[in-house]
Amino acid sequence: MTEKVMTVNCPTCKKAVEWKPESVHRPFCSDRCRLIDLGEWASESHRIAGEPAMDELSSDLLEQLPRG
């Protein structure tokens, strides 16, 4: 009996990707698509909805604390 391999769509280009250990970039189809996604998170094009963990005032107060 053959085991069915789960397939997911690459989050970047939507190409089908087999979810198995040999698919080293999963859920992405390639390193290129993985890096594109990382860049979108870094530029804040992707965001998780919700309230910020820290507002600007708290952030400013933390910057004023002595470091040591």
C-alpha atoms as a PDB file:
ATOM      1  CA  MET A   1       0.000   0.000   0.000  1.00  0.00           C
ATOM      2  CA  THR A   2       1.398   3.413  -0.940  1.00  0.00           C
ATOM      3  CA  GLU A   3       1.320   6.225   1.555  1.00  0.00           C
ATOM      4  CA  LYS A   4      -0.201   9.450   0.260  1.00  0.00           C
ATOM      5  CA  VAL A   5       2.104  12.456   0.664  1.00  0.00           C
ATOM      6  CA  MET A   6       0.474  15.666   1.863  1.00  0.00           C
ATOM      7  CA  THR A   7       0.758  18.572  -0.568  1.00  0.00           C
ATOM      8  CA  VAL A   8       0.608  22.258   0.386  1.00  0.00           C
ATOM      9  CA  ASN A   9       0.787  25.408  -1.700  1.00  0.00           C
ATOM     10  CA  CYS A  10       3.895  27.580  -1.444  1.00  0.00           C
ATOM     11  CA  PRO A  11       2.832  30.730   0.457  1.00  0.00           C
ATOM     12  CA  THR A  12       4.710  32.920  -2.035  1.00  0.00           C
ATOM     13  CA  CYS A  13       4.080  31.519  -5.529  1.00  0.00           C
ATOM     14  CA  LYS A  14       1.296  28.986  -4.783  1.00  0.00           C
ATOM     15  CA  LYS A  15       3.199  26.097  -6.451  1.00  0.00           C
ATOM     16  CA  ALA A  16       2.363  22.651  -5.005  1.00  0.00           C
ATOM     17  CA  VAL A  17       4.960  21.410  -2.505  1.00  0.00           C
ATOM     18  CA  GLU A  18       5.132  17.879  -1.107  1.00  0.00           C
ATOM     19  CA  TRP A  19       5.328  17.921   2.706  1.00  0.00           C
ATOM     20  CA  LYS A  20       8.103  15.428   3.328  1.00  0.00           C
ATOM     21  CA  PRO A  21      11.625  15.492   4.841  1.00  0.00           C
ATOM     22  CA  GLU A  22      13.249  15.788   1.409  1.00  0.00           C
ATOM     23  CA  SER A  23      11.407  19.086   0.801  1.00  0.00           C
ATOM     24  CA  VAL A  24      13.981  21.168   2.665  1.00  0.00           C
ATOM     25  CA  HIS A  25      12.293  24.538   2.055  1.00  0.00           C
ATOM     26  CA  ARG A  26       8.775  23.474   3.026  1.00  0.00           C
ATOM     27  CA  PRO A  27       6.271  25.063   3.126  1.00  0.00           C
ATOM     28  CA  PHE A  28       8.052  27.033   0.405  1.00  0.00           C
ATOM     29  CA  CYS A  29       8.969  25.545  -2.957  1.00  0.00           C
ATOM     30  CA  SER A  30      12.450  27.082  -2.988  1.00  0.00           C
ATOM     31  CA  ASP A  31      14.934  29.178  -1.060  1.00  0.00           C
ATOM     32  CA  ARG A  32      14.010  32.112  -3.312  1.00  0.00           C
ATOM     33  CA  CYS A  33      10.350  32.011  -2.206  1.00  0.00           C
ATOM     34  CA  ARG A  34      11.428  31.629   1.443  1.00  0.00           C
ATOM     35  CA  LEU A  35      13.609  34.745   1.185  1.00  0.00           C
ATOM     36  CA  ILE A  36      10.855  36.737  -0.536  1.00  0.00           C
ATOM     37  CA  ASP A  37       8.525  35.896   2.369  1.00  0.00           C
ATOM     38  CA  LEU A  38      11.196  36.803   4.940  1.00  0.00           C
ATOM     39  CA  GLY A  39      11.697  40.168   3.214  1.00  0.00           C
ATOM     40  CA  GLU A  40       7.968  40.876   3.343  1.00  0.00           C
ATOM     41  CA  TRP A  41       7.937  40.236   7.101  1.00  0.00           C
ATOM     42  CA  ALA A  42      11.062  42.373   7.578  1.00  0.00           C
ATOM     43  CA  SER A  43       9.544  45.289   5.656  1.00  0.00           C
ATOM     44  CA  GLU A  44       6.317  44.846   7.668  1.00  0.00           C
ATOM     45  CA  SER A  45       4.262  44.074   4.545  1.00  0.00           C
ATOM     46  CA  HIS A  46       3.044  41.013   6.502  1.00  0.00           C
ATOM     47  CA  ARG A  47       1.617  41.602   9.967  1.00  0.00           C
ATOM     48  CA  ILE A  48      -0.232  39.662  12.616  1.00  0.00           C
ATOM     49  CA  ALA A  49      -3.501  41.371  13.519  1.00  0.00           C
ATOM     50  CA  GLY A  50      -3.972  42.635  17.048  1.00  0.00           C
ATOM     51  CA  GLU A  51      -2.818  45.229  19.497  1.00  0.00           C
ATOM     52  CA  PRO A  52       0.900  46.026  19.611  1.00  0.00           C
ATOM     53  CA  ALA A  53       2.742  44.285  22.439  1.00  0.00           C
ATOM     54  CA  MET A  54       4.267  47.604  23.432  1.00  0.00           C
ATOM     55  CA  ASP A  55       3.095  51.117  22.658  1.00  0.00           C
ATOM     56  CA  GLU A  56       5.444  53.932  21.645  1.00  0.00           C
ATOM     57  CA  LEU A  57       5.458  55.511  25.121  1.00  0.00           C
ATOM     58  CA  SER A  58       6.605  52.266  26.764  1.00  0.00           C
ATOM     59  CA  SER A  59       9.231  51.852  24.070  1.00  0.00           C
ATOM     60  CA  ASP A  60      10.552  55.382  24.732  1.00  0.00           C
ATOM     61  CA  LEU A  61      10.712  54.700  28.487  1.00  0.00           C
ATOM     62  CA  LEU A  62      12.722  51.517  27.916  1.00  0.00           C
ATOM     63  CA  GLU A  63      15.248  53.437  25.820  1.00  0.00           C
ATOM     64  CA  GLN A  64      15.802  55.852  28.714  1.00  0.00           C
ATOM     65  CA  LEU A  65      16.697  53.095  31.215  1.00  0.00           C
ATOM     66  CA  PRO A  66      20.391  52.874  32.121  1.00  0.00           C
ATOM     67  CA  ARG A  67      22.184  49.966  30.500  1.00  0.00           C
ATOM     68  CA  GLY A  68      24.646  47.928  32.402  1.00  0.00           C
END
